[in-house]
């Protein structure tokens, strides 16, 4: 999968047109269209901006990582929990990490 096809897929998942997305990112629509079609590739600053906007990693956009990180989804799940509950989840994650880390 190319960076252009990943950008197209992510944009469609958000339900945005190229115009709407370009306005939100503050870039030219034709520039974004060229990224999606593969005629151009985003510069580093734009790549970082895209990853932040889509809640993914630059590695995923570049095709280095095969799956998008799920941190945003986890953050969404924790957002409505009280501080004490979030702390419990963090402690549980630390416990699991220690349990399954190499000795």
N, C-alpha and C. Protein backbone atom coordinates (compact mmCIF):
# COMPACT_ATOMS: atom_id res chain seq x y z
N UNK A 1 0.85 -1.18 0.00
CA UNK A 1 0.00 0.00 0.00
C UNK A 1 0.90 1.24 0.00
N UNK A 2 0.60 2.19 -0.85
CA UNK A 2 1.40 3.41 -0.96
C UNK A 2 0.92 4.47 0.03
N UNK A 3 1.76 5.48 0.22
CA UNK A 3 1.36 6.58 1.10
C UNK A 3 0.08 7.25 0.58
N UNK A 4 -0.03 7.37 -0.74
CA UNK A 4 -1.22 7.97 -1.31
C UNK A 4 -2.48 7.18 -1.01
N UNK A 5 -2.40 5.86 -1.13
CA UNK A 5 -3.58 5.04 -0.85
C UNK A 5 -3.92 5.05 0.64
N UNK A 6 -2.90 5.15 1.48
CA UNK A 6 -3.17 5.26 2.93
C UNK A 6 -3.87 6.58 3.24
N UNK A 7 -3.39 7.67 2.62
CA UNK A 7 -4.01 8.97 2.85
C UNK A 7 -5.46 8.97 2.36
N UNK A 8 -5.70 8.39 1.21
CA UNK A 8 -7.05 8.30 0.68
C UNK A 8 -7.96 7.52 1.63
N UNK A 9 -7.49 6.38 2.08
CA UNK A 9 -8.27 5.54 3.00
C UNK A 9 -8.58 6.28 4.30
N UNK A 10 -7.58 6.93 4.87
CA UNK A 10 -7.78 7.66 6.13
C UNK A 10 -8.74 8.83 5.96
N UNK A 11 -8.61 9.54 4.84
CA UNK A 11 -9.51 10.68 4.59
C UNK A 11 -10.95 10.21 4.45
N UNK A 12 -11.15 9.11 3.72
CA UNK A 12 -12.51 8.60 3.54
C UNK A 12 -13.10 8.11 4.86
N UNK A 13 -12.28 7.52 5.72
CA UNK A 13 -12.76 7.08 7.04
C UNK A 13 -13.25 8.26 7.86
N UNK A 14 -12.63 9.42 7.67
CA UNK A 14 -13.06 10.63 8.38
C UNK A 14 -14.26 11.29 7.70
N UNK A 15 -14.60 10.81 6.49
CA UNK A 15 -15.74 11.36 5.77
C UNK A 15 -15.51 12.77 5.26
N UNK A 16 -14.28 13.07 4.91
CA UNK A 16 -13.95 14.42 4.46
C UNK A 16 -13.63 14.44 2.96
N UNK A 17 -13.95 15.55 2.33
CA UNK A 17 -13.51 15.77 0.95
C UNK A 17 -12.08 16.28 0.99
N UNK A 18 -11.42 16.25 -0.15
CA UNK A 18 -10.07 16.80 -0.21
C UNK A 18 -10.08 18.29 0.15
N UNK A 19 -11.10 18.98 -0.29
CA UNK A 19 -11.22 20.41 -0.01
C UNK A 19 -11.35 20.66 1.49
N UNK A 20 -12.27 19.94 2.13
CA UNK A 20 -12.49 20.13 3.57
C UNK A 20 -11.23 19.79 4.36
N UNK A 21 -10.59 18.69 3.99
CA UNK A 21 -9.38 18.28 4.69
C UNK A 21 -8.27 19.32 4.50
N UNK A 22 -8.09 19.78 3.28
CA UNK A 22 -7.05 20.77 2.99
C UNK A 22 -7.26 22.05 3.79
N UNK A 23 -8.51 22.46 3.92
CA UNK A 23 -8.81 23.65 4.71
C UNK A 23 -8.46 23.44 6.17
N UNK A 24 -8.77 22.27 6.71
CA UNK A 24 -8.46 21.99 8.11
C UNK A 24 -6.96 21.95 8.36
N UNK A 25 -6.20 21.45 7.38
CA UNK A 25 -4.75 21.35 7.53
C UNK A 25 -4.01 22.61 7.10
N UNK A 26 -4.72 23.51 6.41
CA UNK A 26 -4.09 24.73 5.94
C UNK A 26 -3.14 24.51 4.78
N UNK A 27 -3.51 23.59 3.89
CA UNK A 27 -2.69 23.31 2.72
C UNK A 27 -3.54 23.47 1.46
N UNK A 28 -2.89 23.52 0.32
CA UNK A 28 -3.58 23.65 -0.96
C UNK A 28 -4.23 22.31 -1.32
N UNK A 29 -5.48 22.33 -1.78
CA UNK A 29 -6.19 21.10 -2.13
C UNK A 29 -5.45 20.32 -3.23
N UNK A 30 -4.92 21.03 -4.21
CA UNK A 30 -4.24 20.34 -5.31
C UNK A 30 -2.98 19.63 -4.81
N UNK A 31 -2.32 20.20 -3.82
CA UNK A 31 -1.15 19.55 -3.23
C UNK A 31 -1.56 18.24 -2.58
N UNK A 32 -2.65 18.29 -1.80
CA UNK A 32 -3.12 17.07 -1.14
C UNK A 32 -3.54 16.03 -2.18
N UNK A 33 -4.20 16.47 -3.22
CA UNK A 33 -4.63 15.54 -4.28
C UNK A 33 -3.42 14.85 -4.91
N UNK A 34 -2.35 15.59 -5.11
CA UNK A 34 -1.13 15.00 -5.68
C UNK A 34 -0.50 13.98 -4.72
N UNK A 35 -0.63 14.20 -3.43
CA UNK A 35 -0.14 13.21 -2.46
C UNK A 35 -0.93 11.92 -2.58
N UNK A 36 -2.26 12.05 -2.67
CA UNK A 36 -3.11 10.86 -2.77
C UNK A 36 -2.87 10.09 -4.06
N UNK A 37 -2.60 10.79 -5.15
CA UNK A 37 -2.41 10.11 -6.44
C UNK A 37 -0.97 9.63 -6.62
N UNK A 38 -0.08 10.03 -5.73
CA UNK A 38 1.30 9.60 -5.82
C UNK A 38 2.17 10.44 -6.73
N UNK A 39 1.64 11.54 -7.25
CA UNK A 39 2.45 12.42 -8.10
C UNK A 39 3.50 13.18 -7.30
N UNK A 40 3.19 13.40 -6.02
CA UNK A 40 4.13 14.06 -5.10
C UNK A 40 4.05 13.35 -3.76
N UNK A 41 5.08 13.56 -2.96
CA UNK A 41 5.09 13.04 -1.60
C UNK A 41 5.17 14.21 -0.64
N UNK A 42 4.50 14.08 0.51
CA UNK A 42 4.56 15.19 1.48
C UNK A 42 5.97 15.37 2.04
N UNK A 43 6.32 16.62 2.28
CA UNK A 43 7.57 16.95 2.96
C UNK A 43 7.44 16.49 4.42
N UNK A 44 8.54 16.46 5.14
CA UNK A 44 8.56 15.96 6.51
C UNK A 44 7.57 16.71 7.41
N UNK A 45 7.57 18.03 7.35
CA UNK A 45 6.65 18.81 8.20
C UNK A 45 5.19 18.46 7.91
N UNK A 46 4.87 18.30 6.64
CA UNK A 46 3.50 17.94 6.26
C UNK A 46 3.17 16.51 6.70
N UNK A 47 4.13 15.62 6.60
CA UNK A 47 3.93 14.24 7.01
C UNK A 47 3.61 14.17 8.50
N UNK A 48 4.33 14.94 9.29
CA UNK A 48 4.09 14.98 10.74
C UNK A 48 2.69 15.56 11.02
N UNK A 49 2.34 16.60 10.30
CA UNK A 49 1.01 17.22 10.45
C UNK A 49 -0.09 16.22 10.10
N UNK A 50 0.10 15.46 9.02
CA UNK A 50 -0.88 14.45 8.60
C UNK A 50 -1.03 13.35 9.65
N UNK A 51 0.08 12.88 10.17
CA UNK A 51 0.04 11.83 11.19
C UNK A 51 -0.72 12.31 12.42
N UNK A 52 -0.47 13.54 12.83
CA UNK A 52 -1.19 14.10 13.98
C UNK A 52 -2.67 14.24 13.70
N UNK A 53 -3.00 14.73 12.53
CA UNK A 53 -4.41 14.92 12.16
C UNK A 53 -5.16 13.59 12.14
N UNK A 54 -4.54 12.57 11.56
CA UNK A 54 -5.19 11.27 11.44
C UNK A 54 -5.04 10.40 12.69
N UNK A 55 -4.24 10.86 13.66
CA UNK A 55 -4.05 10.09 14.88
C UNK A 55 -3.30 8.79 14.63
N UNK A 56 -2.32 8.84 13.76
CA UNK A 56 -1.54 7.67 13.44
C UNK A 56 -0.06 8.02 13.51
N UNK A 57 0.80 7.14 13.08
CA UNK A 57 2.23 7.41 13.09
C UNK A 57 2.73 7.70 11.69
N UNK A 58 3.85 8.38 11.62
CA UNK A 58 4.48 8.60 10.32
C UNK A 58 4.92 7.27 9.73
N UNK A 59 5.32 6.33 10.58
CA UNK A 59 5.70 5.00 10.10
C UNK A 59 4.54 4.33 9.37
N UNK A 60 3.33 4.46 9.90
CA UNK A 60 2.17 3.87 9.23
C UNK A 60 1.93 4.55 7.89
N UNK A 61 2.00 5.87 7.86
CA UNK A 61 1.77 6.59 6.60
C UNK A 61 2.80 6.20 5.55
N UNK A 62 4.04 5.99 5.97
CA UNK A 62 5.11 5.66 5.04
C UNK A 62 5.13 4.19 4.65
N UNK A 63 4.33 3.38 5.32
CA UNK A 63 4.29 1.96 5.00
C UNK A 63 5.30 1.13 5.77
N UNK A 64 5.98 1.74 6.73
CA UNK A 64 6.95 1.01 7.55
C UNK A 64 6.21 0.11 8.55
N UNK A 65 5.18 0.66 9.16
CA UNK A 65 4.33 -0.12 10.07
C UNK A 65 3.10 -0.56 9.28
N UNK A 66 2.72 -1.81 9.44
CA UNK A 66 1.58 -2.34 8.67
C UNK A 66 0.23 -1.96 9.25
N UNK A 67 0.20 -1.71 10.55
CA UNK A 67 -1.07 -1.35 11.18
C UNK A 67 -0.94 0.00 11.87
N UNK A 68 -2.03 0.70 11.92
CA UNK A 68 -2.05 2.00 12.59
C UNK A 68 -2.02 1.77 14.09
N UNK A 69 -1.32 2.63 14.83
CA UNK A 69 -1.31 2.48 16.28
C UNK A 69 -2.69 2.70 16.86
N UNK A 70 -2.95 2.08 17.98
CA UNK A 70 -4.27 2.18 18.60
C UNK A 70 -4.29 3.13 19.78
N UNK A 71 -3.25 3.89 19.99
CA UNK A 71 -3.18 4.77 21.14
C UNK A 71 -4.36 5.73 21.19
N UNK A 72 -4.75 6.27 20.04
CA UNK A 72 -5.88 7.19 20.02
C UNK A 72 -7.16 6.54 20.50
N UNK A 73 -7.37 5.29 20.12
CA UNK A 73 -8.55 4.56 20.55
C UNK A 73 -8.52 4.33 22.05
N UNK A 74 -7.37 3.99 22.57
CA UNK A 74 -7.24 3.78 24.01
C UNK A 74 -7.47 5.09 24.76
N UNK A 75 -6.89 6.17 24.25
CA UNK A 75 -7.10 7.47 24.87
C UNK A 75 -8.58 7.83 24.90
N UNK A 76 -9.29 7.52 23.81
CA UNK A 76 -10.73 7.80 23.75
C UNK A 76 -11.48 7.00 24.82
N UNK A 77 -11.08 5.74 25.00
CA UNK A 77 -11.76 4.89 25.98
C UNK A 77 -11.51 5.40 27.41
N UNK A 78 -10.34 5.93 27.66
CA UNK A 78 -9.99 6.40 29.00
C UNK A 78 -10.51 7.79 29.31
N UNK A 79 -10.85 8.54 28.27
CA UNK A 79 -11.18 9.96 28.44
C UNK A 79 -12.29 10.22 29.45
N UNK A 80 -13.30 9.38 29.50
CA UNK A 80 -14.44 9.64 30.37
C UNK A 80 -14.32 8.98 31.74
N UNK A 81 -13.20 8.33 32.00
CA UNK A 81 -13.00 7.69 33.29
C UNK A 81 -12.46 8.68 34.31
N UNK A 82 -12.79 8.49 35.58
CA UNK A 82 -12.20 9.35 36.60
C UNK A 82 -10.70 9.07 36.73
N UNK A 83 -9.97 10.02 37.28
CA UNK A 83 -8.52 9.92 37.41
C UNK A 83 -8.08 8.62 38.10
N UNK A 84 -8.78 8.22 39.13
CA UNK A 84 -8.44 7.00 39.86
C UNK A 84 -8.52 5.76 38.95
N UNK A 85 -9.53 5.71 38.10
CA UNK A 85 -9.69 4.58 37.19
C UNK A 85 -8.58 4.58 36.14
N UNK A 86 -8.24 5.76 35.61
CA UNK A 86 -7.15 5.84 34.63
C UNK A 86 -5.83 5.37 35.24
N UNK A 87 -5.61 5.75 36.48
CA UNK A 87 -4.38 5.34 37.18
C UNK A 87 -4.36 3.82 37.34
N UNK A 88 -5.49 3.21 37.63
CA UNK A 88 -5.57 1.76 37.76
C UNK A 88 -5.24 1.07 36.44
N UNK A 89 -5.73 1.61 35.35
CA UNK A 89 -5.44 1.05 34.03
C UNK A 89 -3.95 1.15 33.73
N UNK A 90 -3.34 2.30 34.03
CA UNK A 90 -1.91 2.47 33.82
C UNK A 90 -1.10 1.48 34.64
N UNK A 91 -1.49 1.27 35.90
CA UNK A 91 -0.80 0.31 36.76
C UNK A 91 -0.93 -1.10 36.22
N UNK A 92 -2.09 -1.44 35.69
CA UNK A 92 -2.29 -2.77 35.12
C UNK A 92 -1.41 -2.97 33.89
N UNK A 93 -1.32 -1.95 33.06
CA UNK A 93 -0.47 -2.04 31.86
C UNK A 93 0.98 -2.24 32.28
N UNK A 94 1.43 -1.50 33.27
CA UNK A 94 2.81 -1.67 33.77
C UNK A 94 3.02 -3.08 34.29
N UNK A 95 2.04 -3.63 35.00
CA UNK A 95 2.13 -4.99 35.51
C UNK A 95 2.29 -5.99 34.36
N UNK A 96 1.47 -5.85 33.33
CA UNK A 96 1.53 -6.75 32.18
C UNK A 96 2.87 -6.61 31.46
N UNK A 97 3.34 -5.37 31.29
CA UNK A 97 4.62 -5.16 30.63
C UNK A 97 5.75 -5.86 31.38
N UNK A 98 5.76 -5.74 32.70
CA UNK A 98 6.79 -6.39 33.51
C UNK A 98 6.67 -7.90 33.42
N UNK A 99 5.46 -8.40 33.45
CA UNK A 99 5.24 -9.84 33.42
C UNK A 99 5.72 -10.47 32.13
N UNK A 100 5.56 -9.77 31.01
CA UNK A 100 5.91 -10.34 29.72
C UNK A 100 7.20 -9.80 29.13
N UNK A 101 7.92 -9.00 29.90
CA UNK A 101 9.22 -8.50 29.40
C UNK A 101 10.26 -9.60 29.54
N UNK A 102 11.29 -9.50 28.75
CA UNK A 102 12.37 -10.49 28.81
C UNK A 102 13.13 -10.36 30.12
N UNK A 103 13.49 -11.49 30.76
CA UNK A 103 14.20 -11.41 32.06
C UNK A 103 15.61 -10.89 31.91
